[in-house]
Amino acid sequence: MDIIIRDINTKYINEIDKRCEELRKKTDSKWSRNDYLKLLIENDFERPLMDYKKDQFDRLLEKFTDVQLYNTKVLEAYTNEVNNLIELLIAN
């Protein structure tokens, strides 16, 4: 399906052309205005899903960090108890 966009300010057209050229240099493939605008439109519709996934990842990372901190505290407490036990055994 085609979409026609009219009366775009020349300044924006020039910026689109610059970005297409930058992408061409980075990817070694031709980028047209059409390719670039299609990508922008597709990304705009994918953004809510990407934001949701990022939020889920951030929550999991936060939980993982909390678990790691808890495990560290438990390991420190265990190490202290073992050290105390060793000191008691050596003292006797």
PDB file of N, CA and C in Angstrom:
ATOM      1  N   MET A   1       0.843  -1.168   0.000  1.00  0.00           N
ATOM      2  CA  MET A   1       0.000   0.000   0.000  1.00  0.00           C
ATOM      3  C   MET A   1       0.891   1.235   0.000  1.00  0.00           C
ATOM      4  N   ASP A   2       0.450   2.250  -0.671  1.00  0.00           N
ATOM      5  CA  ASP A   2       1.234   3.480  -0.786  1.00  0.00           C
ATOM      6  C   ASP A   2       0.654   4.578   0.084  1.00  0.00           C
ATOM      7  N   ILE A   3       1.550   5.414   0.562  1.00  0.00           N
ATOM      8  CA  ILE A   3       1.166   6.628   1.279  1.00  0.00           C
ATOM      9  C   ILE A   3       1.881   7.772   0.588  1.00  0.00           C
ATOM     10  N   ILE A   4       1.170   8.812   0.303  1.00  0.00           N
ATOM     11  CA  ILE A   4       1.774   9.984  -0.322  1.00  0.00           C
ATOM     12  C   ILE A   4       1.762  11.110   0.703  1.00  0.00           C
ATOM     13  N   ILE A   5       2.913  11.733   0.877  1.00  0.00           N
ATOM     14  CA  ILE A   5       3.033  12.843   1.820  1.00  0.00           C
ATOM     15  C   ILE A   5       3.419  14.073   1.007  1.00  0.00           C
ATOM     16  N   ARG A   6       2.657  15.116   1.187  1.00  0.00           N
ATOM     17  CA  ARG A   6       2.906  16.339   0.415  1.00  0.00           C
ATOM     18  C   ARG A   6       3.313  17.474   1.342  1.00  0.00           C
ATOM     19  N   ASP A   7       3.932  18.472   0.724  1.00  0.00           N
ATOM     20  CA  ASP A   7       4.256  19.750   1.389  1.00  0.00           C
ATOM     21  C   ASP A   7       5.159  19.576   2.608  1.00  0.00           C
ATOM     22  N   ILE A   8       6.178  18.777   2.451  1.00  0.00           N
ATOM     23  CA  ILE A   8       7.173  18.607   3.512  1.00  0.00           C
ATOM     24  C   ILE A   8       8.224  19.704   3.355  1.00  0.00           C
ATOM     25  N   ASN A   9       8.559  20.329   4.436  1.00  0.00           N
ATOM     26  CA  ASN A   9       9.569  21.381   4.419  1.00  0.00           C
ATOM     27  C   ASN A   9      10.885  20.820   3.883  1.00  0.00           C
ATOM     28  N   THR A  10      11.536  21.578   3.019  1.00  0.00           N
ATOM     29  CA  THR A  10      12.794  21.149   2.398  1.00  0.00           C
ATOM     30  C   THR A  10      13.855  20.830   3.442  1.00  0.00           C
ATOM     31  N   LYS A  11      13.833  21.541   4.530  1.00  0.00           N
ATOM     32  CA  LYS A  11      14.794  21.298   5.619  1.00  0.00           C
ATOM     33  C   LYS A  11      14.700  19.841   6.090  1.00  0.00           C
ATOM     34  N   TYR A  12      13.479  19.327   6.221  1.00  0.00           N
ATOM     35  CA  TYR A  12      13.297  17.953   6.694  1.00  0.00           C
ATOM     36  C   TYR A  12      13.688  16.934   5.620  1.00  0.00           C
ATOM     37  N   ILE A  13      13.396  17.266   4.403  1.00  0.00           N
ATOM     38  CA  ILE A  13      13.806  16.380   3.304  1.00  0.00           C
ATOM     39  C   ILE A  13      15.329  16.262   3.270  1.00  0.00           C
ATOM     40  N   ASN A  14      16.012  17.385   3.448  1.00  0.00           N
ATOM     41  CA  ASN A  14      17.481  17.363   3.475  1.00  0.00           C
ATOM     42  C   ASN A  14      18.004  16.526   4.639  1.00  0.00           C
ATOM     43  N   GLU A  15      17.346  16.624   5.788  1.00  0.00           N
ATOM     44  CA  GLU A  15      17.753  15.815   6.950  1.00  0.00           C
ATOM     45  C   GLU A  15      17.527  14.326   6.682  1.00  0.00           C
ATOM     46  N   ILE A  16      16.425  14.004   6.071  1.00  0.00           N
ATOM     47  CA  ILE A  16      16.165  12.601   5.719  1.00  0.00           C
ATOM     48  C   ILE A  16      17.241  12.097   4.773  1.00  0.00           C
ATOM     49  N   ASP A  17      17.597  12.909   3.793  1.00  0.00           N
ATOM     50  CA  ASP A  17      18.653  12.523   2.854  1.00  0.00           C
ATOM     51  C   ASP A  17      19.989  12.312   3.568  1.00  0.00           C
ATOM     52  N   LYS A  18      20.300  13.184   4.528  1.00  0.00           N
ATOM     53  CA  LYS A  18      21.544  13.028   5.303  1.00  0.00           C
ATOM     54  C   LYS A  18      21.539  11.705   6.068  1.00  0.00           C
ATOM     55  N   ARG A  19      20.415  11.407   6.688  1.00  0.00           N
ATOM     56  CA  ARG A  19      20.326  10.157   7.462  1.00  0.00           C
ATOM     57  C   ARG A  19      20.418   8.937   6.555  1.00  0.00           C
ATOM     58  N   CYS A  20      19.839   9.037   5.394  1.00  0.00           N
ATOM     59  CA  CYS A  20      19.950   7.925   4.434  1.00  0.00           C
ATOM     60  C   CYS A  20      21.402   7.717   4.031  1.00  0.00           C
ATOM     61  N   GLU A  21      22.107   8.808   3.847  1.00  0.00           N
ATOM     62  CA  GLU A  21      23.524   8.711   3.483  1.00  0.00           C
ATOM     63  C   GLU A  21      24.334   8.113   4.636  1.00  0.00           C
ATOM     64  N   GLU A  22      24.038   8.528   5.856  1.00  0.00           N
ATOM     65  CA  GLU A  22      24.729   7.965   7.026  1.00  0.00           C
ATOM     66  C   GLU A  22      24.471   6.465   7.129  1.00  0.00           C
ATOM     67  N   LEU A  23      23.227   6.071   6.926  1.00  0.00           N
ATOM     68  CA  LEU A  23      22.893   4.642   6.981  1.00  0.00           C
ATOM     69  C   LEU A  23      23.577   3.872   5.864  1.00  0.00           C
ATOM     70  N   ARG A  24      23.662   4.468   4.703  1.00  0.00           N
ATOM     71  CA  ARG A  24      24.334   3.807   3.585  1.00  0.00           C
ATOM     72  C   ARG A  24      25.800   3.547   3.939  1.00  0.00           C
ATOM     73  N   LYS A  25      26.448   4.536   4.547  1.00  0.00           N
ATOM     74  CA  LYS A  25      27.857   4.374   4.936  1.00  0.00           C
ATOM     75  C   LYS A  25      28.018   3.310   6.016  1.00  0.00           C
ATOM     76  N   LYS A  26      27.093   3.282   6.969  1.00  0.00           N
ATOM     77  CA  LYS A  26      27.195   2.323   8.076  1.00  0.00           C
ATOM     78  C   LYS A  26      26.886   0.896   7.645  1.00  0.00           C
ATOM     79  N   THR A  27      25.979   0.758   6.703  1.00  0.00           N
ATOM     80  CA  THR A  27      25.506  -0.587   6.352  1.00  0.00           C
ATOM     81  C   THR A  27      25.996  -1.085   5.001  1.00  0.00           C
ATOM     82  N   ASP A  28      26.636  -0.220   4.243  1.00  0.00           N
ATOM     83  CA  ASP A  28      27.079  -0.574   2.887  1.00  0.00           C
ATOM     84  C   ASP A  28      25.931  -1.056   2.008  1.00  0.00           C
ATOM     85  N   SER A  29      24.764  -0.488   2.213  1.00  0.00           N
ATOM     86  CA  SER A  29      23.643  -0.776   1.325  1.00  0.00           C
ATOM     87  C   SER A  29      22.875   0.521   1.077  1.00  0.00           C
ATOM     88  N   LYS A  30      22.184   0.535  -0.013  1.00  0.00           N
ATOM     89  CA  LYS A  30      21.480   1.741  -0.419  1.00  0.00           C
ATOM     90  C   LYS A  30      20.262   1.976   0.468  1.00  0.00           C
ATOM     91  N   TRP A  31      20.093   3.216   0.897  1.00  0.00           N
ATOM     92  CA  TRP A  31      18.936   3.624   1.682  1.00  0.00           C
ATOM     93  C   TRP A  31      18.230   4.747   0.949  1.00  0.00           C
ATOM     94  N   SER A  32      16.992   4.532   0.614  1.00  0.00           N
ATOM     95  CA  SER A  32      16.191   5.572  -0.024  1.00  0.00           C
ATOM     96  C   SER A  32      15.358   6.284   1.042  1.00  0.00           C
ATOM     97  N   ARG A  33      14.765   7.383   0.651  1.00  0.00           N
ATOM     98  CA  ARG A  33      13.842   8.059   1.563  1.00  0.00           C
ATOM     99  C   ARG A  33      12.722   7.099   1.957  1.00  0.00           C
ATOM    100  N   ASN A  34      12.244   6.372   0.975  1.00  0.00           N
ATOM    101  CA  ASN A  34      11.167   5.417   1.220  1.00  0.00           C
ATOM    102  C   ASN A  34      11.581   4.374   2.261  1.00  0.00           C
ATOM    103  N   ASP A  35      12.780   3.813   2.099  1.00  0.00           N
ATOM    104  CA  ASP A  35      13.273   2.812   3.059  1.00  0.00           C
ATOM    105  C   ASP A  35      13.339   3.397   4.465  1.00  0.00           C
ATOM    106  N   TYR A  36      13.888   4.595   4.544  1.00  0.00           N
ATOM    107  CA  TYR A  36      14.055   5.235   5.844  1.00  0.00           C
ATOM    108  C   TYR A  36      12.705   5.527   6.498  1.00  0.00           C
ATOM    109  N   LEU A  37      11.789   6.089   5.754  1.00  0.00           N
ATOM    110  CA  LEU A  37      10.468   6.418   6.309  1.00  0.00           C
ATOM    111  C   LEU A  37       9.680   5.170   6.685  1.00  0.00           C
ATOM    112  N   LYS A  38       9.808   4.109   5.904  1.00  0.00           N
ATOM    113  CA  LYS A  38       9.162   2.844   6.266  1.00  0.00           C
ATOM    114  C   LYS A  38       9.694   2.342   7.603  1.00  0.00           C
ATOM    115  N   LEU A  39      11.008   2.431   7.762  1.00  0.00           N
ATOM    116  CA  LEU A  39      11.622   1.997   9.014  1.00  0.00           C
ATOM    117  C   LEU A  39      11.096   2.821  10.198  1.00  0.00           C
ATOM    118  N   LEU A  40      10.989   4.128  10.018  1.00  0.00           N
ATOM    119  CA  LEU A  40      10.464   4.981  11.090  1.00  0.00           C
ATOM    120  C   LEU A  40       9.035   4.600  11.457  1.00  0.00           C
ATOM    121  N   ILE A  41       8.216   4.375  10.461  1.00  0.00           N
ATOM    122  CA  ILE A  41       6.819   4.018  10.719  1.00  0.00           C
ATOM    123  C   ILE A  41       6.733   2.668  11.417  1.00  0.00           C
ATOM    124  N   GLU A  42       7.471   1.692  10.936  1.00  0.00           N
ATOM    125  CA  GLU A  42       7.447   0.362  11.557  1.00  0.00           C
ATOM    126  C   GLU A  42       7.930   0.422  12.997  1.00  0.00           C
ATOM    127  N   ASN A  43       9.004   1.162  13.222  1.00  0.00           N
ATOM    128  CA  ASN A  43       9.545   1.274  14.584  1.00  0.00           C
ATOM    129  C   ASN A  43       8.570   1.975  15.518  1.00  0.00           C
ATOM    130  N   ASP A  44       7.844   2.942  14.990  1.00  0.00           N
ATOM    131  CA  ASP A  44       6.881   3.646  15.819  1.00  0.00           C
ATOM    132  C   ASP A  44       5.798   2.698  16.332  1.00  0.00           C
ATOM    133  N   PHE A  45       5.382   1.770  15.505  1.00  0.00           N
ATOM    134  CA  PHE A  45       4.340   0.839  15.926  1.00  0.00           C
ATOM    135  C   PHE A  45       4.890  -0.283  16.804  1.00  0.00           C
ATOM    136  N   GLU A  46       6.170  -0.551  16.701  1.00  0.00           N
ATOM    137  CA  GLU A  46       6.790  -1.584  17.530  1.00  0.00           C
ATOM    138  C   GLU A  46       7.216  -1.043  18.895  1.00  0.00           C
ATOM    139  N   ARG A  47       7.272   0.250  19.042  1.00  0.00           N
ATOM    140  CA  ARG A  47       7.783   0.866  20.270  1.00  0.00           C
ATOM    141  C   ARG A  47       7.048   0.436  21.535  1.00  0.00           C
ATOM    142  N   PRO A  48       5.708   0.400  21.547  1.00  0.00           N
ATOM    143  CA  PRO A  48       5.044  -0.037  22.793  1.00  0.00           C
ATOM    144  C   PRO A  48       5.466  -1.436  23.238  1.00  0.00           C
ATOM    145  N   LEU A  49       5.620  -2.343  22.286  1.00  0.00           N
ATOM    146  CA  LEU A  49       6.065  -3.688  22.631  1.00  0.00           C
ATOM    147  C   LEU A  49       7.496  -3.661  23.158  1.00  0.00           C
ATOM    148  N   MET A  50       8.346  -2.891  22.509  1.00  0.00           N
ATOM    149  CA  MET A  50       9.736  -2.788  22.963  1.00  0.00           C
ATOM    150  C   MET A  50       9.805  -2.166  24.356  1.00  0.00           C
ATOM    151  N   ASP A  51       8.979  -1.138  24.597  1.00  0.00           N
ATOM    152  CA  ASP A  51       8.949  -0.509  25.926  1.00  0.00           C
ATOM    153  C   ASP A  51       8.481  -1.502  26.984  1.00  0.00           C
ATOM    154  N   TYR A  52       7.457  -2.285  26.653  1.00  0.00           N
ATOM    155  CA  TYR A  52       6.956  -3.297  27.582  1.00  0.00           C
ATOM    156  C   TYR A  52       8.052  -4.319  27.905  1.00  0.00           C
ATOM    157  N   LYS A  53       8.734  -4.791  26.877  1.00  0.00           N
ATOM    158  CA  LYS A  53       9.801  -5.770  27.098  1.00  0.00           C
ATOM    159  C   LYS A  53      10.926  -5.176  27.929  1.00  0.00           C
ATOM    160  N   LYS A  54      11.259  -3.914  27.687  1.00  0.00           N
ATOM    161  CA  LYS A  54      12.307  -3.263  28.466  1.00  0.00           C
ATOM    162  C   LYS A  54      11.884  -3.151  29.930  1.00  0.00           C
ATOM    163  N   ASP A  55      10.612  -2.772  30.160  1.00  0.00           N
ATOM    164  CA  ASP A  55      10.116  -2.685  31.533  1.00  0.00           C
ATOM    165  C   ASP A  55      10.180  -4.037  32.232  1.00  0.00           C
ATOM    166  N   GLN A  56       9.787  -5.086  31.530  1.00  0.00           N
ATOM    167  CA  GLN A  56       9.845  -6.432  32.101  1.00  0.00           C
ATOM    168  C   GLN A  56      11.279  -6.817  32.417  1.00  0.00           C
ATOM    169  N   PHE A  57      12.190  -6.516  31.506  1.00  0.00           N
ATOM    170  CA  PHE A  57      13.603  -6.819  31.730  1.00  0.00           C
ATOM    171  C   PHE A  57      14.127  -6.053  32.941  1.00  0.00           C
ATOM    172  N   ASP A  58      13.782  -4.772  33.030  1.00  0.00           N
ATOM    173  CA  ASP A  58      14.240  -3.961  34.162  1.00  0.00           C
ATOM    174  C   ASP A  58      13.721  -4.513  35.488  1.00  0.00           C
ATOM    175  N   ARG A  59      12.465  -4.965  35.507  1.00  0.00           N
ATOM    176  CA  ARG A  59      11.911  -5.557  36.725  1.00  0.00           C
ATOM    177  C   ARG A  59      12.640  -6.839  37.098  1.00  0.00           C
ATOM    178  N   LEU A  60      12.893  -7.677  36.108  1.00  0.00           N
ATOM    179  CA  LEU A  60      13.624  -8.919  36.386  1.00  0.00           C
ATOM    180  C   LEU A  60      15.036  -8.629  36.870  1.00  0.00           C
ATOM    181  N   LEU A  61      15.668  -7.642  36.276  1.00  0.00           N
ATOM    182  CA  LEU A  61      17.014  -7.276  36.687  1.00  0.00           C
ATOM    183  C   LEU A  61      17.021  -6.764  38.121  1.00  0.00           C
ATOM    184  N   GLU A  62      16.009  -5.985  38.467  1.00  0.00           N
ATOM    185  CA  GLU A  62      15.900  -5.493  39.843  1.00  0.00           C
ATOM    186  C   GLU A  62      15.707  -6.645  40.821  1.00  0.00           C
ATOM    187  N   LYS A  63      14.846  -7.602  40.480  1.00  0.00           N
ATOM    188  CA  LYS A  63      14.646  -8.774  41.342  1.00  0.00           C
ATOM    189  C   LYS A  63      15.936  -9.578  41.462  1.00  0.00           C
ATOM    190  N   PHE A  64      16.621  -9.755  40.334  1.00  0.00           N
ATOM    191  CA  PHE A  64      17.881 -10.496  40.350  1.00  0.00           C
ATOM    192  C   PHE A  64      18.890  -9.815  41.266  1.00  0.00           C
ATOM    193  N   THR A  65      18.966  -8.491  41.182  1.00  0.00           N
ATOM    194  CA  THR A  65      19.886  -7.736  42.027  1.00  0.00           C
ATOM    195  C   THR A  65      19.532  -7.917  43.502  1.00  0.00           C
ATOM    196  N   ASP A  66      18.240  -7.867  43.810  1.00  0.00           N
ATOM    197  CA  ASP A  66      17.808  -8.079  45.196  1.00  0.00           C
ATOM    198  C   ASP A  66      18.196  -9.471  45.694  1.00  0.00           C
ATOM    199  N   VAL A  67      18.002 -10.477  44.853  1.00  0.00           N
ATOM    200  CA  VAL A  67      18.363 -11.851  45.227  1.00  0.00           C
ATOM    201  C   VAL A  67      19.869 -11.955  45.436  1.00  0.00           C
ATOM    202  N   GLN A  68      20.635 -11.322  44.562  1.00  0.00           N
ATOM    203  CA  GLN A  68      22.096 -11.364  44.705  1.00  0.00           C
ATOM    204  C   GLN A  68      22.532 -10.699  46.005  1.00  0.00           C
ATOM    205  N   LEU A  69      21.931  -9.582  46.351  1.00  0.00           N
ATOM    206  CA  LEU A  69      22.275  -8.911  47.616  1.00  0.00           C
ATOM    207  C   LEU A  69      21.920  -9.782  48.812  1.00  0.00           C
ATOM    208  N   TYR A  70      20.754 -10.407  48.766  1.00  0.00           N
ATOM    209  CA  TYR A  70      20.342 -11.299  49.846  1.00  0.00           C
ATOM    210  C   TYR A  70      21.313 -12.469  49.962  1.00  0.00           C
ATOM    211  N   ASN A  71      21.661 -13.073  48.827  1.00  0.00           N
ATOM    212  CA  ASN A  71      22.592 -14.205  48.845  1.00  0.00           C
ATOM    213  C   ASN A  71      23.956 -13.792  49.389  1.00  0.00           C
ATOM    214  N   THR A  72      24.386 -12.605  49.053  1.00  0.00           N
ATOM    215  CA  THR A  72      25.667 -12.106  49.563  1.00  0.00           C
ATOM    216  C   THR A  72      25.623 -11.973  51.082  1.00  0.00           C
ATOM    217  N   LYS A  73      24.521 -11.426  51.596  1.00  0.00           N
ATOM    218  CA  LYS A  73      24.386 -11.277  53.059  1.00  0.00           C
ATOM    219  C   LYS A  73      24.357 -12.637  53.750  1.00  0.00           C
ATOM    220  N   VAL A  74      23.646 -13.584  53.171  1.00  0.00           N
ATOM    221  CA  VAL A  74      23.583 -14.927  53.761  1.00  0.00           C
ATOM    222  C   VAL A  74      24.963 -15.574  53.741  1.00  0.00           C
ATOM    223  N   LEU A  75      25.666 -15.427  52.641  1.00  0.00           N
ATOM    224  CA  LEU A  75      27.009 -16.011  52.541  1.00  0.00           C
ATOM    225  C   LEU A  75      27.960 -15.356  53.543  1.00  0.00           C
ATOM    226  N   GLU A  76      27.861 -14.055  53.730  1.00  0.00           N
ATOM    227  CA  GLU A  76      28.702 -13.369  54.715  1.00  0.00           C
ATOM    228  C   GLU A  76      28.392 -13.865  56.125  1.00  0.00           C
ATOM    229  N   ALA A  77      27.113 -14.032  56.433  1.00  0.00           N
ATOM    230  CA  ALA A  77      26.719 -14.524  57.756  1.00  0.00           C
ATOM    231  C   ALA A  77      27.249 -15.948  57.959  1.00  0.00           C
ATOM    232  N   TYR A  78      27.124 -16.784  56.939  1.00  0.00           N
ATOM    233  CA  TYR A  78      27.621 -18.160  57.012  1.00  0.00           C
ATOM    234  C   TYR A  78      29.132 -18.169  57.216  1.00  0.00           C
ATOM    235  N   THR A  79      29.836 -17.340  56.464  1.00  0.00           N
ATOM    236  CA  THR A  79      31.299 -17.265  56.590  1.00  0.00           C
ATOM    237  C   THR A  79      31.692 -16.819  57.992  1.00  0.00           C
ATOM    238  N   ASN A  80      30.990 -15.839  58.524  1.00  0.00           N
ATOM    239  CA  ASN A  80      31.278 -15.378  59.893  1.00  0.00           C
ATOM    240  C   ASN A  80      31.054 -16.499  60.910  1.00  0.00           C
ATOM    241  N   GLU A  81      29.979 -17.254  60.752  1.00  0.00           N
ATOM    242  CA  GLU A  81      29.699 -18.360  61.675  1.00  0.00           C
ATOM    243  C   GLU A  81      30.768 -19.445  61.576  1.00  0.00           C
ATOM    244  N   VAL A  82      31.173 -19.764  60.356  1.00  0.00           N
ATOM    245  CA  VAL A  82      32.227 -20.769  60.176  1.00  0.00           C
ATOM    246  C   VAL A  82      33.520 -20.277  60.817  1.00  0.00           C
ATOM    247  N   ASN A  83      33.854 -19.010  60.624  1.00  0.00           N
ATOM    248  CA  ASN A  83      35.066 -18.455  61.235  1.00  0.00           C
ATOM    249  C   ASN A  83      34.984 -18.505  62.769  1.00  0.00           C
ATOM    250  N   ASN A  84      33.812 -18.188  63.299  1.00  0.00           N
ATOM    251  CA  ASN A  84      33.631 -18.266  64.757  1.00  0.00           C
ATOM    252  C   ASN A  84      33.797 -19.704  65.247  1.00  0.00           C
ATOM    253  N   LEU A  85      33.240 -20.652  64.514  1.00  0.00           N
ATOM    254  CA  LEU A  85      33.361 -22.054  64.881  1.00  0.00           C
ATOM    255  C   LEU A  85      34.817 -22.505  64.832  1.00  0.00           C
ATOM    256  N   ILE A  86      35.533 -22.095  63.819  1.00  0.00           N
ATOM    257  CA  ILE A  86      36.964 -22.442  63.704  1.00  0.00           C
ATOM    258  C   ILE A  86      37.741 -21.859  64.873  1.00  0.00           C
ATOM    259  N   GLU A  87      37.462 -20.618  65.237  1.00  0.00           N
ATOM    260  CA  GLU A  87      38.135 -19.985  66.381  1.00  0.00           C
ATOM    261  C   GLU A  87      37.851 -20.754  67.675  1.00  0.00           C
ATOM    262  N   LEU A  88      36.602 -21.189  67.856  1.00  0.00           N
ATOM    263  CA  LEU A  88      36.249 -21.959  69.041  1.00  0.00           C
ATOM    264  C   LEU A  88      36.983 -23.290  69.071  1.00  0.00           C
ATOM    265  N   LEU A  89      37.069 -23.964  67.926  1.00  0.00           N
ATOM    266  CA  LEU A  89      37.763 -25.245  67.859  1.00  0.00           C
ATOM    267  C   LEU A  89      39.262 -25.085  68.129  1.00  0.00           C
ATOM    268  N   ILE A  90      39.829 -24.011  67.611  1.00  0.00           N
ATOM    269  CA  ILE A  90      41.264 -23.778  67.832  1.00  0.00           C
ATOM    270  C   ILE A  90      41.525 -23.434  69.291  1.00  0.00           C
ATOM    271  N   ALA A  91      40.618 -22.691  69.911  1.00  0.00           N
ATOM    272  CA  ALA A  91      40.798 -22.271  71.304  1.00  0.00           C
ATOM    273  C   ALA A  91      40.738 -23.462  72.268  1.00  0.00           C
ATOM    274  N   ASN A  92      40.014 -24.512  71.878  1.00  0.00           N
ATOM    275  CA  ASN A  92      39.883 -25.655  72.782  1.00  0.00           C
ATOM    276  C   ASN A  92      40.960 -26.607  72.513  1.00  0.00           C
TER     277      ASN A  92
END
